């Protein structure tokens, strides 16, 4: 299929849309105003996706990308767009999806902001997934959104792999020894954690060799992966250094563990926390889906009385450790959000998984809570929750967007809902 034309719009997930006589073609790495010639397409998730195209005339929104891997790597499809236009388009997409207009705050840093990277380890290279190709991997030499130290991390790992002879993962056949290398950085503490996700137990000299190659890291883990799913998860075993690294956001210290979920942009996280604090009413706060206590501990340090509920027992353990570390008046318990008794709280904070609130929405409606602060990186899930559960009882009174994910179409929203 050969098609030529001007990109006049964006899909909800940030792909350029080329209108044709038939169905639209979705063009990654293309922006409104670009003139493109599409040479090859494939059907993916019910859409026609361009997999080979030529840029004939650049949009005025374009700049030169900083990363040499731009155009293949799936991490940053908007990196060749001026940052002020990224913010404008994110706000427009959010309003188009949800019907809610909200101002947007940019990330204080748009380079070297990510505090974690999961490098997939395959026979065709070590790096990040190629956009639109489930079996394609970009063999990275650097990553300007993660760290100046990325080349060093990758060089050390490749030397370790060559010395030990461990087999990289084969994505097609689903066999191999090593699947992911995860590196976490405390941007405000300088602490580093290295975690190898492998399909075999650490053994003999291999552990010592791994430690030697990453001797500058503060924490070194080897995680045993017992399944063949393509994700950076395993059972972590500490093989060197400290069990945690720390990150400091504002005046709060957070402990980070391989199994912890923590917001990936340390610099914009402060803006997110302040937005949540500004929307909270009263003194007693229930933090549903509380995770490792990111919101709850911060609010407790600000003088609120906080209780948190989280289904993951390990996350609850980490949240209580974070509360104790910060001498914060917060208590976190294991439980399902949708089964949590709603007592005399002034505000409920919800930061649900990408699928949204679902049954928890019914619980909130039947409660007498006056204020809900809804935090979401998925505007479509918020829209469904609001339309299906919350609209009849609550109204949106304020919202703000925080750009936690520069160079992508994603954005974090903080939405204040008050009982009618």
Protein backbone atom coordinates (compact mmCIF):
# COMPACT_ATOMS: atom_id res chain seq x y z
CA UNK A 1 0.00 0.00 0.00
CA UNK A 2 1.48 3.34 -1.08
CA UNK A 3 -0.12 6.52 0.25
CA UNK A 4 1.02 10.11 0.37
CA UNK A 5 -0.37 13.09 2.20
CA UNK A 6 -0.28 15.46 5.13
CA UNK A 7 -0.74 14.43 8.74
CA UNK A 8 -3.67 16.46 10.02
CA UNK A 9 -4.38 14.89 13.37
CA UNK A 10 -3.28 12.53 16.13
CA UNK A 11 -4.78 9.36 17.51
CA UNK A 12 -5.53 9.11 21.22
CA UNK A 13 -2.20 7.30 21.68
CA UNK A 14 -0.20 9.95 19.82
CA UNK A 15 0.21 8.49 16.33
CA UNK A 16 -0.07 10.71 13.27
CA UNK A 17 -3.22 10.10 11.21
CA UNK A 18 -3.00 10.05 7.42
CA UNK A 19 -6.45 10.17 5.88
CA UNK A 20 -6.86 8.04 2.75
CA UNK A 21 -9.81 7.16 0.55
CA UNK A 22 -10.31 4.07 2.63
CA UNK A 23 -9.36 3.65 6.27
CA UNK A 24 -6.97 6.02 8.06
CA UNK A 25 -3.31 5.04 8.31
CA UNK A 26 -1.65 5.50 11.71
CA UNK A 27 1.93 6.73 11.38
CA UNK A 28 4.29 6.55 14.39
CA UNK A 29 6.90 9.30 14.79
CA UNK A 30 4.77 11.62 12.58
CA UNK A 31 3.18 14.88 13.70
CA UNK A 32 0.49 17.30 12.49
CA UNK A 33 1.84 19.19 9.48
CA UNK A 34 4.23 16.45 8.31
CA UNK A 35 3.90 15.36 4.68
CA UNK A 36 4.68 11.65 4.43
CA UNK A 37 4.81 8.87 1.90
CA UNK A 38 3.79 5.52 3.38
CA UNK A 39 5.43 2.58 1.62
CA UNK A 40 4.43 -0.36 3.80
CA UNK A 41 1.71 -1.05 6.36
CA UNK A 42 0.48 -3.86 8.57
CA UNK A 43 -2.75 -4.46 10.44
CA UNK A 44 -2.28 -4.26 14.17
CA UNK A 45 -4.98 -4.12 16.87
CA UNK A 46 -7.63 -3.44 14.24
CA UNK A 47 -5.78 -0.49 12.70
CA UNK A 48 -3.59 0.03 9.65
CA UNK A 49 -0.14 0.93 11.01
CA UNK A 50 2.62 2.41 8.84
CA UNK A 51 5.82 0.37 9.27
CA UNK A 52 7.83 2.07 6.52
CA UNK A 53 7.35 5.70 5.55
CA UNK A 54 9.36 8.64 4.26
CA UNK A 55 9.14 12.19 5.59
CA UNK A 56 8.76 14.42 2.54
CA UNK A 57 8.10 17.75 4.25
CA UNK A 58 8.64 18.38 7.98
CA UNK A 59 6.01 19.93 10.21
CA UNK A 60 6.86 23.26 11.90
CA UNK A 61 6.41 21.33 15.16
CA UNK A 62 9.59 19.33 14.43
CA UNK A 63 13.06 19.56 15.92
CA UNK A 64 16.08 17.30 15.61
CA UNK A 65 15.76 14.35 18.01
CA UNK A 66 18.47 13.99 20.63
CA UNK A 67 18.62 10.19 20.60
CA UNK A 68 20.32 8.31 17.74
CA UNK A 69 17.77 5.51 18.14
CA UNK A 70 14.77 7.76 17.49
CA UNK A 71 12.49 6.38 14.78
CA UNK A 72 12.91 2.75 15.84
CA UNK A 73 12.82 2.70 19.63
CA UNK A 74 9.32 2.60 21.04
CA UNK A 75 10.20 4.66 24.10
CA UNK A 76 9.90 8.23 22.77
CA UNK A 77 7.71 8.63 19.67
CA UNK A 78 7.32 12.41 20.27
CA UNK A 79 11.00 13.19 20.79
CA UNK A 80 11.27 15.10 17.48
CA UNK A 81 8.47 17.48 18.55
CA UNK A 82 9.09 20.82 20.26
CA UNK A 83 8.36 20.41 23.94
CA UNK A 84 5.87 23.28 24.19
CA UNK A 85 3.81 21.60 21.47
CA UNK A 86 4.01 18.26 23.26
CA UNK A 87 2.36 19.87 26.27
CA UNK A 88 -0.30 21.60 24.16
CA UNK A 89 -1.22 18.39 22.35
CA UNK A 90 -1.33 16.36 25.58
CA UNK A 91 -3.85 18.80 27.05
CA UNK A 92 -5.90 18.66 23.84
CA UNK A 93 -5.89 14.85 23.78
CA UNK A 94 -6.95 14.68 27.43
CA UNK A 95 -9.86 17.05 26.81
CA UNK A 96 -10.88 15.18 23.66
CA UNK A 97 -10.96 11.86 25.51
CA UNK A 98 -12.49 12.95 28.83
CA UNK A 99 -14.39 16.15 27.99
CA UNK A 100 -12.49 17.87 30.82
CA UNK A 101 -10.27 20.87 30.16
CA UNK A 102 -7.20 21.12 32.41
CA UNK A 103 -4.00 23.15 32.52
CA UNK A 104 -0.78 21.21 32.12
CA UNK A 105 2.52 21.54 33.99
CA UNK A 106 5.66 20.49 32.16
CA UNK A 107 8.36 18.29 33.61
CA UNK A 108 11.16 20.29 35.29
CA UNK A 109 13.56 18.13 33.29
CA UNK A 110 12.92 16.58 29.89
CA UNK A 111 16.25 14.71 29.68
CA UNK A 112 17.72 12.24 32.16
CA UNK A 113 14.46 12.30 34.13
CA UNK A 114 13.63 8.57 34.22
CA UNK A 115 14.70 6.86 37.44
CA UNK A 116 14.36 3.32 36.05
CA UNK A 117 15.04 1.51 32.79
CA UNK A 118 14.28 -2.09 31.92
CA UNK A 119 16.67 -3.19 29.19
CA UNK A 120 15.51 -6.35 27.44
CA UNK A 121 18.32 -8.82 26.75
CA UNK A 122 17.97 -10.73 23.46
CA UNK A 123 20.10 -12.44 20.83
CA UNK A 124 19.52 -9.45 18.53
CA UNK A 125 20.62 -6.90 21.11
CA UNK A 126 20.19 -5.39 24.56
CA UNK A 127 17.98 -2.34 24.82
CA UNK A 128 14.34 -1.41 24.31
CA UNK A 129 11.52 -2.72 22.14
CA UNK A 130 11.23 -1.56 18.55
CA UNK A 131 7.98 0.32 17.93
CA UNK A 132 5.31 -1.82 16.25
CA UNK A 133 7.45 -4.96 16.13
CA UNK A 134 6.85 -7.34 19.05
CA UNK A 135 9.97 -9.34 18.19
CA UNK A 136 12.18 -6.35 17.39
CA UNK A 137 14.74 -4.93 19.83
CA UNK A 138 16.82 -1.78 19.44
CA UNK A 139 20.40 -2.49 20.51
CA UNK A 140 20.96 0.68 22.57
CA UNK A 141 24.17 2.65 22.81
CA UNK A 142 22.62 5.40 24.97
CA UNK A 143 19.31 6.64 26.37
CA UNK A 144 19.10 10.41 26.94
CA UNK A 145 15.81 10.20 28.87
CA UNK A 146 17.30 7.81 31.42
CA UNK A 147 20.87 8.58 32.38
CA UNK A 148 24.29 9.82 31.27
CA UNK A 149 25.55 6.54 32.71
CA UNK A 150 23.51 4.38 30.32
CA UNK A 151 26.48 3.60 28.00
CA UNK A 152 28.50 2.46 31.02
CA UNK A 153 25.71 0.26 32.36
CA UNK A 154 25.24 -1.39 28.96
CA UNK A 155 28.96 -1.80 28.32
CA UNK A 156 29.47 -3.46 31.71
CA UNK A 157 26.52 -5.77 31.14
CA UNK A 158 27.62 -6.82 27.65
CA UNK A 159 31.10 -7.59 28.97
CA UNK A 160 29.55 -9.64 31.79
CA UNK A 161 27.43 -11.58 29.29
CA UNK A 162 30.42 -12.27 27.04
CA UNK A 163 32.61 -13.40 29.94
CA UNK A 164 30.06 -15.75 31.51
CA UNK A 165 28.56 -17.14 28.30
CA UNK A 166 25.02 -16.79 29.63
CA UNK A 167 22.46 -16.97 26.83
CA UNK A 168 20.28 -13.94 26.08
CA UNK A 169 16.55 -14.51 25.80
CA UNK A 170 15.09 -15.62 22.47
CA UNK A 171 11.78 -13.77 22.09
CA UNK A 172 10.42 -16.10 19.42
CA UNK A 173 11.41 -19.46 20.92
CA UNK A 174 11.08 -18.28 24.53
CA UNK A 175 14.31 -19.82 25.73
CA UNK A 176 17.48 -18.39 27.25
CA UNK A 177 19.18 -17.53 30.53
CA UNK A 178 18.99 -13.75 30.90
CA UNK A 179 15.83 -11.76 30.09
CA UNK A 180 16.18 -8.20 31.48
CA UNK A 181 18.65 -5.86 33.09
CA UNK A 182 16.89 -3.34 35.33
CA UNK A 183 18.71 -0.25 36.55
CA UNK A 184 17.23 2.23 39.04
CA UNK A 185 18.69 5.58 40.02
CA UNK A 186 17.85 7.84 42.94
CA UNK A 187 18.00 11.12 41.06
CA UNK A 188 18.23 13.18 44.26
CA UNK A 189 20.35 10.77 46.29
CA UNK A 190 22.71 9.43 43.62
CA UNK A 191 22.07 5.84 44.73
CA UNK A 192 21.96 3.07 42.10
CA UNK A 193 20.33 -0.36 42.06
CA UNK A 194 21.14 -3.02 39.43
CA UNK A 195 18.83 -6.02 39.05
CA UNK A 196 19.40 -8.93 36.67
CA UNK A 197 16.21 -10.82 35.73
CA UNK A 198 17.22 -14.35 34.70
CA UNK A 199 15.71 -17.78 34.17
CA UNK A 200 18.28 -19.54 36.31
CA UNK A 201 19.44 -19.28 39.91
CA UNK A 202 22.64 -17.30 40.56
CA UNK A 203 25.54 -19.70 40.93
CA UNK A 204 29.26 -19.89 41.70
CA UNK A 205 31.62 -17.40 40.12
CA UNK A 206 28.81 -15.86 38.04
CA UNK A 207 27.55 -13.92 41.09
CA UNK A 208 31.03 -12.65 41.87
CA UNK A 209 31.55 -11.62 38.24
CA UNK A 210 28.22 -9.78 38.20
CA UNK A 211 29.17 -7.93 41.39
CA UNK A 212 32.56 -7.02 39.94
CA UNK A 213 31.08 -5.48 36.80
CA UNK A 214 28.64 -3.38 38.85
CA UNK A 215 30.83 -2.72 41.89
CA UNK A 216 29.86 0.95 41.96
CA UNK A 217 26.17 0.14 42.49
CA UNK A 218 24.73 0.58 45.98
CA UNK A 219 22.39 -2.39 45.64
CA UNK A 220 22.75 -5.49 43.43
CA UNK A 221 20.02 -8.08 42.89
CA UNK A 222 19.58 -11.26 40.90
CA UNK A 223 15.89 -12.04 40.24
CA UNK A 224 14.81 -15.55 39.33
CA UNK A 225 12.13 -15.54 36.64
CA UNK A 226 10.11 -18.76 36.70
CA UNK A 227 7.69 -17.92 33.85
CA UNK A 228 8.19 -17.10 30.17
CA UNK A 229 6.17 -13.90 30.10
CA UNK A 230 7.98 -10.97 28.56
CA UNK A 231 8.13 -8.67 31.57
CA UNK A 232 10.93 -7.59 33.96
CA UNK A 233 9.63 -9.49 36.99
CA UNK A 234 11.18 -12.19 39.11
CA UNK A 235 11.90 -13.29 42.66
CA UNK A 236 14.67 -10.94 43.79
CA UNK A 237 17.70 -12.11 45.75
CA UNK A 238 20.14 -9.57 47.15
CA UNK A 239 23.66 -10.50 45.99
CA UNK A 240 25.50 -7.29 46.85
CA UNK A 241 25.17 -4.02 48.74
CA UNK A 242 22.09 -2.70 50.50
CA UNK A 243 18.55 -4.13 50.23
CA UNK A 244 17.12 -0.72 49.27
CA UNK A 245 18.13 2.46 47.56
CA UNK A 246 16.55 5.75 48.57
CA UNK A 247 14.97 8.59 46.66
CA UNK A 248 14.20 12.00 48.17
CA UNK A 249 11.19 13.90 46.88
CA UNK A 250 10.70 17.28 48.58
CA UNK A 251 11.30 16.45 52.26
CA UNK A 252 10.27 12.79 52.03
CA UNK A 253 12.63 9.82 51.73
CA UNK A 254 11.33 6.74 49.91
CA UNK A 255 12.85 3.27 49.99
CA UNK A 256 13.10 1.58 46.59
CA UNK A 257 13.16 -2.20 46.11
CA UNK A 258 13.14 -4.27 42.88
CA UNK A 259 9.50 -5.14 43.46
CA UNK A 260 8.45 -1.55 44.25
CA UNK A 261 6.34 0.49 41.88
CA UNK A 262 7.56 4.07 42.00
CA UNK A 263 6.72 6.95 39.66
CA UNK A 264 9.36 6.98 36.92
CA UNK A 265 9.97 10.76 36.81
CA UNK A 266 11.50 11.90 40.10
CA UNK A 267 11.57 15.56 39.05
CA UNK A 268 7.89 15.83 38.07
CA UNK A 269 6.77 13.71 41.02
CA UNK A 270 7.09 16.71 43.32
CA UNK A 271 4.57 18.57 41.11
CA UNK A 272 2.23 15.57 41.25
CA UNK A 273 2.39 15.38 45.04
CA UNK A 274 1.72 19.10 45.40
CA UNK A 275 -1.29 18.85 43.09
CA UNK A 276 -2.77 16.02 45.16
CA UNK A 277 -2.13 17.97 48.38
CA UNK A 278 -3.84 21.06 46.97
CA UNK A 279 -7.01 19.12 46.13
CA UNK A 280 -7.33 17.38 49.52
CA UNK A 281 -10.07 18.72 51.80
CA UNK A 282 -10.16 18.25 55.57
CA UNK A 283 -7.67 16.36 57.72
CA UNK A 284 -8.50 12.64 57.48
CA UNK A 285 -7.42 10.97 54.25
CA UNK A 286 -7.99 7.46 52.90
CA UNK A 287 -5.38 6.47 50.32
CA UNK A 288 -6.80 3.65 48.19
CA UNK A 289 -4.42 1.71 45.93
CA UNK A 290 -1.75 3.19 48.17
CA UNK A 291 1.22 1.23 46.77
CA UNK A 292 4.45 2.00 48.63
CA UNK A 293 2.86 5.08 50.22
CA UNK A 294 3.97 7.65 47.67
CA UNK A 295 0.99 9.95 48.29
CA UNK A 296 0.09 8.85 51.81
CA UNK A 297 3.50 9.35 53.40
CA UNK A 298 3.92 12.74 51.72
CA UNK A 299 0.52 13.93 52.97
CA UNK A 300 1.17 12.61 56.48
CA UNK A 301 4.39 14.64 56.54
CA UNK A 302 2.27 17.66 55.69
CA UNK A 303 0.07 17.11 58.75
CA UNK A 304 -2.78 14.98 57.42
CA UNK A 305 -3.91 11.79 59.17
CA UNK A 306 -3.62 9.04 56.59
CA UNK A 307 -4.77 5.46 56.28
CA UNK A 308 -3.86 3.45 53.20
CA UNK A 309 -5.20 0.27 51.62
CA UNK A 310 -3.32 -1.82 49.07
CA UNK A 311 -3.85 -5.40 47.85
CA UNK A 312 -0.13 -6.19 47.54
CA UNK A 313 1.27 -7.23 50.95
CA UNK A 314 4.85 -6.39 49.99
CA UNK A 315 3.84 -2.87 48.90
CA UNK A 316 2.08 -2.41 52.25
CA UNK A 317 5.22 -3.51 54.07
CA UNK A 318 7.23 -0.96 52.08
CA UNK A 319 4.65 1.77 52.71
CA UNK A 320 4.83 1.24 56.47
CA UNK A 321 8.63 1.26 56.30
CA UNK A 322 8.45 4.58 54.44
CA UNK A 323 6.05 5.98 57.04
CA UNK A 324 8.38 4.94 59.86
CA UNK A 325 11.45 6.27 58.06
CA UNK A 326 9.79 9.68 57.75
CA UNK A 327 8.12 9.67 61.20
CA UNK A 328 4.80 10.15 59.38
CA UNK A 329 1.32 9.68 60.86
CA UNK A 330 0.22 7.10 58.28
CA UNK A 331 -0.86 3.48 58.59
CA UNK A 332 -1.15 1.13 55.62
CA UNK A 333 -3.11 -2.13 55.54
CA UNK A 334 -3.56 -5.05 53.15
CA UNK A 335 -6.97 -5.14 51.54
CA UNK A 336 -9.03 -4.86 48.38
CA UNK A 337 -10.03 -1.32 47.50
CA UNK A 338 -13.56 -2.38 46.55
CA UNK A 339 -14.06 -4.05 49.97
CA UNK A 340 -12.68 -1.25 52.12
CA UNK A 341 -15.05 0.16 54.77
CA UNK A 342 -15.44 3.89 54.10
CA UNK A 343 -15.56 5.51 57.51
CA UNK A 344 -15.27 9.15 58.54
CA UNK A 345 -12.74 10.36 56.02
CA UNK A 346 -12.74 13.84 54.55
CA UNK A 347 -11.01 12.89 51.29
CA UNK A 348 -10.37 9.64 49.45
CA UNK A 349 -7.41 9.47 47.06
CA UNK A 350 -7.60 6.87 44.31
CA UNK A 351 -4.73 5.97 42.02
CA UNK A 352 -6.15 2.84 40.38
CA UNK A 353 -4.42 0.49 37.94
CA UNK A 354 -4.75 1.27 34.24
CA UNK A 355 -8.07 -0.59 34.01
CA UNK A 356 -9.64 1.93 36.41
CA UNK A 357 -11.82 1.76 39.51
CA UNK A 358 -14.60 -0.55 38.34
CA UNK A 359 -16.32 -1.97 41.49
CA UNK A 360 -14.55 0.55 43.72
CA UNK A 361 -16.53 3.23 41.91
CA UNK A 362 -19.77 1.75 43.29
CA UNK A 363 -18.29 1.76 46.78
CA UNK A 364 -17.41 5.45 46.58
CA UNK A 365 -20.85 6.39 45.33
CA UNK A 366 -22.58 4.64 48.25
CA UNK A 367 -20.22 6.28 50.75
CA UNK A 368 -20.71 9.75 52.15
CA UNK A 369 -17.27 10.98 51.11
CA UNK A 370 -17.38 14.60 50.03
CA UNK A 371 -14.11 14.77 48.08
CA UNK A 372 -12.33 12.30 45.80
CA UNK A 373 -8.91 12.99 44.34
CA UNK A 374 -8.54 10.77 41.29
CA UNK A 375 -4.99 10.26 39.96
CA UNK A 376 -4.70 8.62 36.56
CA UNK A 377 -2.30 8.02 33.68
CA UNK A 378 -5.14 6.55 31.60
CA UNK A 379 -7.75 9.16 30.56
CA UNK A 380 -9.96 6.52 28.93
CA UNK A 381 -10.23 4.60 32.20
CA UNK A 382 -11.11 7.81 34.07
CA UNK A 383 -13.78 8.62 31.50
CA UNK A 384 -15.38 5.18 31.92
CA UNK A 385 -15.24 5.39 35.72
CA UNK A 386 -16.78 8.85 35.69
CA UNK A 387 -19.54 8.03 33.22
CA UNK A 388 -20.38 4.58 34.61
CA UNK A 389 -20.09 5.20 38.35
CA UNK A 390 -19.29 8.69 39.57
CA UNK A 391 -21.16 11.20 37.39
CA UNK A 392 -24.54 10.97 39.12
CA UNK A 393 -23.08 11.63 42.57
CA UNK A 394 -19.90 13.65 41.94
CA UNK A 395 -18.91 16.52 39.70
CA UNK A 396 -15.45 17.48 38.48
CA UNK A 397 -14.52 20.79 40.11
CA UNK A 398 -10.85 21.07 39.17
CA UNK A 399 -8.15 19.17 37.32
CA UNK A 400 -4.49 19.55 36.47
CA UNK A 401 -2.18 17.59 34.19
CA UNK A 402 1.42 16.78 35.11
CA UNK A 403 3.81 15.73 32.37
CA UNK A 404 5.52 12.74 33.94
CA UNK A 405 6.38 11.29 30.53
CA UNK A 406 8.10 13.79 28.18
CA UNK A 407 8.44 12.75 24.51
CA UNK A 408 5.44 10.43 24.72
CA UNK A 409 1.70 11.02 24.37
CA UNK A 410 1.09 9.97 27.99
CA UNK A 411 0.21 12.37 30.77
CA UNK A 412 -0.72 12.09 34.46
CA UNK A 413 -3.99 13.71 35.57
CA UNK A 414 -5.08 14.80 39.03
CA UNK A 415 -8.84 15.36 39.16
CA UNK A 416 -10.86 16.72 42.06
CA UNK A 417 -14.42 15.41 42.36
CA UNK A 418 -16.87 16.80 44.90
CA UNK A 419 -20.19 15.36 45.98
CA UNK A 420 -23.18 17.13 44.47
